[in-house]
Amino acid sequence: MARKHPERVLTSLHHLIDHEWMLEAYRLTRKDGAPGVDGMMAMDYEANLEANLYDLQARIKSGRYIAPPVRRHYIPKADGTERPLGIPTLEDKVAQRAILLAAGADLRDGLPVLLVRLPTGTIGP
């Protein structure tokens, strides 16, 4: 879409993100990683999955979503130094996945291209 209509301006992807989108983002998110600063594991998040995803979706769409701090962990390197590693919360990983899916990042040409799901007339003036 961006290649076909370079004169149009994309102002938001929020209208693309619905509950089905959030469920797919959650399904695609790795759930075996270490917990972030909130200590939330996938099993805990799934205990109230529907409500958690509806709440996250509402915060993303309203602009109230603010990514939480990343938990810092240091990985020892062979030379004795340490490599910093940032561990996001599970919910932040889901939010990032939902937005990535919405953007349909196709970076072959260095330009993001929207997924086919974009409704007609939602881009540009």
N, C-alpha and C. Protein backbone atom coordinates (compact mmCIF):
# COMPACT_ATOMS: atom_id res chain seq x y z
N MET A 1 0.83 -1.18 0.00
CA MET A 1 0.00 0.00 0.00
C MET A 1 0.88 1.25 0.00
N ALA A 2 1.93 1.24 0.81
CA ALA A 2 2.80 2.41 0.87
C ALA A 2 3.50 2.65 -0.46
N ARG A 3 3.84 1.57 -1.16
CA ARG A 3 4.49 1.73 -2.46
C ARG A 3 3.52 2.23 -3.52
N LYS A 4 2.26 1.78 -3.45
CA LYS A 4 1.26 2.17 -4.44
C LYS A 4 0.80 3.61 -4.27
N HIS A 5 0.78 4.09 -3.01
CA HIS A 5 0.26 5.43 -2.71
C HIS A 5 1.24 6.20 -1.81
N PRO A 6 2.42 6.53 -2.32
CA PRO A 6 3.41 7.21 -1.47
C PRO A 6 2.97 8.60 -1.03
N GLU A 7 1.98 9.18 -1.73
CA GLU A 7 1.51 10.52 -1.37
C GLU A 7 0.60 10.51 -0.14
N ARG A 8 0.10 9.34 0.24
CA ARG A 8 -0.80 9.24 1.38
C ARG A 8 -0.01 9.12 2.68
N VAL A 9 -0.62 9.61 3.74
CA VAL A 9 0.04 9.60 5.05
C VAL A 9 -0.70 8.65 5.98
N LEU A 10 0.05 7.77 6.60
CA LEU A 10 -0.52 6.86 7.58
C LEU A 10 -0.39 7.51 8.96
N THR A 11 -1.52 7.68 9.63
CA THR A 11 -1.47 8.36 10.93
C THR A 11 -1.65 7.42 12.11
N SER A 12 -2.26 6.25 11.90
CA SER A 12 -2.52 5.36 13.02
C SER A 12 -2.77 3.94 12.54
N LEU A 13 -2.42 2.99 13.38
CA LEU A 13 -2.72 1.57 13.13
C LEU A 13 -3.72 1.05 14.16
N HIS A 14 -4.13 1.90 15.09
CA HIS A 14 -4.98 1.46 16.20
C HIS A 14 -6.27 0.82 15.75
N HIS A 15 -6.85 1.32 14.66
CA HIS A 15 -8.13 0.79 14.20
C HIS A 15 -8.02 -0.67 13.73
N LEU A 16 -6.82 -1.13 13.47
CA LEU A 16 -6.62 -2.52 13.03
C LEU A 16 -6.62 -3.51 14.19
N ILE A 17 -6.32 -3.03 15.37
CA ILE A 17 -6.12 -3.93 16.51
C ILE A 17 -7.43 -4.19 17.21
N ASP A 18 -7.93 -5.42 17.05
CA ASP A 18 -9.15 -5.84 17.75
C ASP A 18 -8.82 -7.03 18.64
N HIS A 19 -9.83 -7.60 19.27
CA HIS A 19 -9.57 -8.69 20.22
C HIS A 19 -8.97 -9.91 19.52
N GLU A 20 -9.47 -10.22 18.33
CA GLU A 20 -8.92 -11.35 17.57
C GLU A 20 -7.43 -11.12 17.28
N TRP A 21 -7.10 -9.87 16.96
CA TRP A 21 -5.71 -9.49 16.69
C TRP A 21 -4.85 -9.72 17.93
N MET A 22 -5.39 -9.33 19.09
CA MET A 22 -4.65 -9.49 20.34
C MET A 22 -4.45 -10.97 20.67
N LEU A 23 -5.47 -11.78 20.43
CA LEU A 23 -5.33 -13.22 20.67
C LEU A 23 -4.24 -13.82 19.78
N GLU A 24 -4.19 -13.39 18.54
CA GLU A 24 -3.16 -13.88 17.62
C GLU A 24 -1.78 -13.41 18.07
N ALA A 25 -1.68 -12.17 18.50
CA ALA A 25 -0.40 -11.65 18.99
C ALA A 25 0.05 -12.46 20.21
N TYR A 26 -0.88 -12.77 21.10
CA TYR A 26 -0.53 -13.57 22.28
C TYR A 26 -0.09 -14.97 21.85
N ARG A 27 -0.82 -15.56 20.92
CA ARG A 27 -0.48 -16.91 20.46
C ARG A 27 0.93 -16.96 19.89
N LEU A 28 1.33 -15.92 19.18
CA LEU A 28 2.64 -15.88 18.53
C LEU A 28 3.78 -15.47 19.46
N THR A 29 3.46 -14.99 20.64
CA THR A 29 4.48 -14.52 21.58
C THR A 29 5.08 -15.69 22.35
N ARG A 30 6.40 -15.70 22.44
CA ARG A 30 7.07 -16.75 23.23
C ARG A 30 6.64 -16.64 24.68
N LYS A 31 6.37 -17.77 25.26
CA LYS A 31 5.87 -17.78 26.64
C LYS A 31 6.81 -18.47 27.61
N ASP A 32 7.97 -18.87 27.13
CA ASP A 32 8.90 -19.60 27.98
C ASP A 32 10.06 -18.74 28.47
N GLY A 33 10.01 -17.44 28.22
CA GLY A 33 11.10 -16.56 28.62
C GLY A 33 11.02 -16.18 30.09
N ALA A 34 12.08 -15.55 30.54
CA ALA A 34 12.14 -15.06 31.91
C ALA A 34 11.14 -13.93 32.09
N PRO A 35 10.61 -13.77 33.30
CA PRO A 35 9.65 -12.69 33.54
C PRO A 35 10.33 -11.32 33.54
N GLY A 36 9.55 -10.30 33.20
CA GLY A 36 10.06 -8.93 33.24
C GLY A 36 9.98 -8.36 34.65
N VAL A 37 9.97 -7.04 34.76
CA VAL A 37 9.97 -6.39 36.07
C VAL A 37 8.72 -6.69 36.89
N ASP A 38 7.62 -7.07 36.23
CA ASP A 38 6.38 -7.36 36.96
C ASP A 38 6.33 -8.78 37.50
N GLY A 39 7.28 -9.63 37.09
CA GLY A 39 7.32 -11.01 37.57
C GLY A 39 6.24 -11.91 36.96
N MET A 40 5.48 -11.40 36.00
CA MET A 40 4.36 -12.14 35.42
C MET A 40 4.85 -13.19 34.43
N MET A 41 4.43 -14.42 34.66
CA MET A 41 4.71 -15.52 33.74
C MET A 41 3.47 -15.74 32.87
N ALA A 42 3.64 -16.43 31.75
CA ALA A 42 2.54 -16.69 30.82
C ALA A 42 1.38 -17.39 31.53
N MET A 43 1.69 -18.34 32.37
CA MET A 43 0.65 -19.09 33.08
C MET A 43 -0.22 -18.15 33.93
N ASP A 44 0.43 -17.17 34.57
CA ASP A 44 -0.31 -16.20 35.39
C ASP A 44 -1.18 -15.31 34.50
N TYR A 45 -0.63 -14.86 33.38
CA TYR A 45 -1.35 -13.98 32.45
C TYR A 45 -2.55 -14.71 31.86
N GLU A 46 -2.37 -15.99 31.55
CA GLU A 46 -3.44 -16.79 30.95
C GLU A 46 -4.60 -17.05 31.91
N ALA A 47 -4.34 -16.95 33.20
CA ALA A 47 -5.41 -17.19 34.18
C ALA A 47 -6.57 -16.23 33.97
N ASN A 48 -6.29 -15.05 33.41
CA ASN A 48 -7.32 -14.06 33.13
C ASN A 48 -7.08 -13.48 31.74
N LEU A 49 -6.81 -14.36 30.78
CA LEU A 49 -6.34 -13.94 29.45
C LEU A 49 -7.29 -12.98 28.75
N GLU A 50 -8.57 -13.31 28.68
CA GLU A 50 -9.51 -12.46 27.95
C GLU A 50 -9.52 -11.04 28.51
N ALA A 51 -9.65 -10.91 29.81
CA ALA A 51 -9.69 -9.59 30.45
C ALA A 51 -8.36 -8.86 30.27
N ASN A 52 -7.25 -9.58 30.41
CA ASN A 52 -5.94 -8.96 30.24
C ASN A 52 -5.76 -8.42 28.83
N LEU A 53 -6.18 -9.20 27.83
CA LEU A 53 -6.02 -8.75 26.44
C LEU A 53 -6.96 -7.60 26.10
N TYR A 54 -8.20 -7.65 26.61
CA TYR A 54 -9.12 -6.52 26.39
C TYR A 54 -8.56 -5.25 27.01
N ASP A 55 -8.00 -5.36 28.22
CA ASP A 55 -7.42 -4.20 28.89
C ASP A 55 -6.22 -3.66 28.12
N LEU A 56 -5.34 -4.55 27.69
CA LEU A 56 -4.16 -4.14 26.92
C LEU A 56 -4.59 -3.48 25.61
N GLN A 57 -5.55 -4.07 24.93
CA GLN A 57 -6.06 -3.51 23.68
C GLN A 57 -6.61 -2.10 23.90
N ALA A 58 -7.39 -1.93 24.95
CA ALA A 58 -7.97 -0.61 25.25
C ALA A 58 -6.88 0.42 25.52
N ARG A 59 -5.86 0.03 26.25
CA ARG A 59 -4.76 0.97 26.54
C ARG A 59 -3.98 1.32 25.28
N ILE A 60 -3.76 0.34 24.40
CA ILE A 60 -3.06 0.62 23.14
C ILE A 60 -3.87 1.59 22.29
N LYS A 61 -5.16 1.28 22.12
CA LYS A 61 -6.01 2.09 21.24
C LYS A 61 -6.23 3.50 21.76
N SER A 62 -6.27 3.67 23.08
CA SER A 62 -6.51 5.00 23.65
C SER A 62 -5.23 5.82 23.78
N GLY A 63 -4.09 5.18 23.56
CA GLY A 63 -2.82 5.88 23.72
C GLY A 63 -2.33 5.89 25.16
N ARG A 64 -3.01 5.16 26.05
CA ARG A 64 -2.60 5.11 27.45
C ARG A 64 -1.54 4.05 27.72
N TYR A 65 -1.25 3.20 26.74
CA TYR A 65 -0.26 2.15 26.98
C TYR A 65 1.13 2.76 27.03
N ILE A 66 1.81 2.50 28.10
CA ILE A 66 3.20 2.92 28.27
C ILE A 66 4.00 1.67 28.59
N ALA A 67 5.01 1.41 27.79
CA ALA A 67 5.83 0.23 28.03
C ALA A 67 6.49 0.32 29.39
N PRO A 68 6.41 -0.75 30.18
CA PRO A 68 7.05 -0.73 31.49
C PRO A 68 8.57 -0.83 31.36
N PRO A 69 9.27 -0.52 32.43
CA PRO A 69 10.74 -0.65 32.38
C PRO A 69 11.13 -2.09 32.03
N VAL A 70 12.29 -2.22 31.46
CA VAL A 70 12.83 -3.53 31.10
C VAL A 70 13.72 -4.01 32.23
N ARG A 71 13.57 -5.28 32.60
CA ARG A 71 14.42 -5.85 33.65
C ARG A 71 15.81 -6.09 33.07
N ARG A 72 16.81 -5.60 33.75
CA ARG A 72 18.20 -5.72 33.28
C ARG A 72 18.83 -6.97 33.89
N HIS A 73 19.48 -7.74 33.04
CA HIS A 73 20.20 -8.93 33.49
C HIS A 73 21.53 -8.92 32.75
N TYR A 74 22.57 -9.41 33.38
CA TYR A 74 23.89 -9.40 32.75
C TYR A 74 24.34 -10.83 32.46
N ILE A 75 24.78 -11.06 31.24
CA ILE A 75 25.25 -12.36 30.78
C ILE A 75 26.77 -12.33 30.73
N PRO A 76 27.44 -13.25 31.43
CA PRO A 76 28.91 -13.26 31.37
C PRO A 76 29.42 -13.64 29.97
N LYS A 77 30.47 -12.96 29.56
CA LYS A 77 31.10 -13.25 28.27
C LYS A 77 32.40 -14.00 28.52
N ALA A 78 32.92 -14.63 27.47
CA ALA A 78 34.15 -15.43 27.59
C ALA A 78 35.34 -14.60 28.05
N ASP A 79 35.36 -13.31 27.70
CA ASP A 79 36.51 -12.47 28.06
C ASP A 79 36.42 -11.90 29.48
N GLY A 80 35.40 -12.33 30.24
CA GLY A 80 35.25 -11.88 31.61
C GLY A 80 34.34 -10.68 31.79
N THR A 81 33.99 -10.00 30.70
CA THR A 81 33.06 -8.88 30.80
C THR A 81 31.63 -9.42 30.78
N GLU A 82 30.69 -8.52 30.94
CA GLU A 82 29.29 -8.92 30.94
C GLU A 82 28.53 -8.17 29.85
N ARG A 83 27.57 -8.87 29.26
CA ARG A 83 26.72 -8.27 28.23
C ARG A 83 25.36 -7.99 28.85
N PRO A 84 24.90 -6.73 28.77
CA PRO A 84 23.58 -6.43 29.34
C PRO A 84 22.47 -7.02 28.49
N LEU A 85 21.45 -7.50 29.14
CA LEU A 85 20.29 -8.07 28.46
C LEU A 85 19.05 -7.43 29.06
N GLY A 86 18.15 -6.92 28.20
CA GLY A 86 16.90 -6.33 28.66
C GLY A 86 15.77 -7.33 28.51
N ILE A 87 15.03 -7.57 29.57
CA ILE A 87 13.94 -8.53 29.54
C ILE A 87 12.62 -7.78 29.71
N PRO A 88 11.82 -7.68 28.63
CA PRO A 88 10.54 -6.99 28.73
C PRO A 88 9.50 -7.85 29.43
N THR A 89 8.42 -7.23 29.87
CA THR A 89 7.33 -7.98 30.46
C THR A 89 6.60 -8.76 29.37
N LEU A 90 5.90 -9.80 29.76
CA LEU A 90 5.12 -10.59 28.81
C LEU A 90 4.10 -9.70 28.09
N GLU A 91 3.44 -8.85 28.85
CA GLU A 91 2.43 -7.97 28.25
C GLU A 91 3.05 -7.03 27.22
N ASP A 92 4.25 -6.54 27.49
CA ASP A 92 4.91 -5.67 26.53
C ASP A 92 5.28 -6.44 25.27
N LYS A 93 5.68 -7.70 25.42
CA LYS A 93 5.97 -8.52 24.25
C LYS A 93 4.70 -8.71 23.40
N VAL A 94 3.56 -8.91 24.05
CA VAL A 94 2.30 -9.07 23.34
C VAL A 94 1.94 -7.77 22.61
N ALA A 95 2.10 -6.63 23.29
CA ALA A 95 1.80 -5.34 22.68
C ALA A 95 2.70 -5.10 21.46
N GLN A 96 3.98 -5.38 21.61
CA GLN A 96 4.91 -5.21 20.49
C GLN A 96 4.53 -6.10 19.32
N ARG A 97 4.15 -7.34 19.62
CA ARG A 97 3.76 -8.29 18.57
C ARG A 97 2.50 -7.80 17.85
N ALA A 98 1.52 -7.31 18.60
CA ALA A 98 0.27 -6.82 17.99
C ALA A 98 0.55 -5.65 17.05
N ILE A 99 1.41 -4.75 17.47
CA ILE A 99 1.73 -3.58 16.65
C ILE A 99 2.57 -3.99 15.44
N LEU A 100 3.48 -4.93 15.63
CA LEU A 100 4.27 -5.43 14.51
C LEU A 100 3.37 -6.11 13.48
N LEU A 101 2.42 -6.90 13.93
CA LEU A 101 1.47 -7.54 13.02
C LEU A 101 0.66 -6.49 12.26
N ALA A 102 0.23 -5.45 12.97
CA ALA A 102 -0.56 -4.40 12.35
C ALA A 102 0.25 -3.64 11.30
N ALA A 103 1.49 -3.42 11.60
CA ALA A 103 2.35 -2.69 10.67
C ALA A 103 2.73 -3.56 9.48
N GLY A 104 2.69 -4.89 9.68
CA GLY A 104 3.05 -5.80 8.59
C GLY A 104 4.44 -5.48 8.07
N ALA A 105 5.38 -5.35 8.98
CA ALA A 105 6.71 -4.89 8.60
C ALA A 105 7.33 -5.74 7.49
N ASP A 106 7.40 -5.14 6.32
CA ASP A 106 8.05 -5.76 5.19
C ASP A 106 9.24 -4.86 4.88
N LEU A 107 10.40 -5.25 5.36
CA LEU A 107 11.56 -4.36 5.27
C LEU A 107 12.47 -4.66 4.09
N ARG A 108 12.00 -5.45 3.13
CA ARG A 108 12.85 -5.77 1.97
C ARG A 108 13.32 -4.51 1.28
N ASP A 109 12.44 -3.53 1.17
CA ASP A 109 12.80 -2.28 0.50
C ASP A 109 13.03 -1.16 1.50
N GLY A 110 13.07 -1.51 2.78
CA GLY A 110 13.26 -0.50 3.80
C GLY A 110 12.00 0.29 4.10
N LEU A 111 10.84 -0.13 3.56
CA LEU A 111 9.58 0.58 3.80
C LEU A 111 8.58 -0.34 4.46
N PRO A 112 7.91 0.11 5.53
CA PRO A 112 6.86 -0.72 6.10
C PRO A 112 5.68 -0.78 5.15
N VAL A 113 5.11 -1.95 4.98
CA VAL A 113 3.95 -2.15 4.12
C VAL A 113 2.84 -2.72 4.97
N LEU A 114 1.64 -2.14 4.88
CA LEU A 114 0.53 -2.59 5.69
C LEU A 114 -0.04 -3.89 5.20
N LEU A 115 -0.57 -4.65 6.14
CA LEU A 115 -1.23 -5.90 5.78
C LEU A 115 -2.50 -5.63 4.98
N VAL A 116 -2.96 -6.63 4.29
CA VAL A 116 -4.16 -6.52 3.47
C VAL A 116 -5.38 -6.15 4.31
N ARG A 117 -5.31 -6.38 5.60
CA ARG A 117 -6.44 -6.14 6.48
C ARG A 117 -6.84 -4.66 6.57
N LEU A 118 -6.03 -3.78 6.07
CA LEU A 118 -6.30 -2.35 6.15
C LEU A 118 -7.57 -2.01 5.39
N PRO A 119 -8.59 -1.45 6.06
CA PRO A 119 -9.84 -1.10 5.39
C PRO A 119 -9.63 0.02 4.37
N THR A 120 -10.41 0.01 3.32
CA THR A 120 -10.35 1.03 2.27
C THR A 120 -10.62 2.41 2.85
N GLY A 121 -9.86 3.39 2.42
CA GLY A 121 -10.10 4.76 2.82
C GLY A 121 -9.53 5.15 4.17
N THR A 122 -8.68 4.31 4.77
CA THR A 122 -8.17 4.63 6.10
C THR A 122 -6.82 5.33 6.06
N ILE A 123 -6.25 5.46 4.88
CA ILE A 123 -4.96 6.12 4.76
C ILE A 123 -5.11 7.45 4.07
N GLY A 124 -4.45 8.40 4.64
CA GLY A 124 -4.24 9.67 3.97
C GLY A 124 -5.45 10.57 3.79
N PRO A 125 -5.15 11.74 3.26
CA PRO A 125 -6.18 12.75 3.04
C PRO A 125 -7.00 12.47 1.80
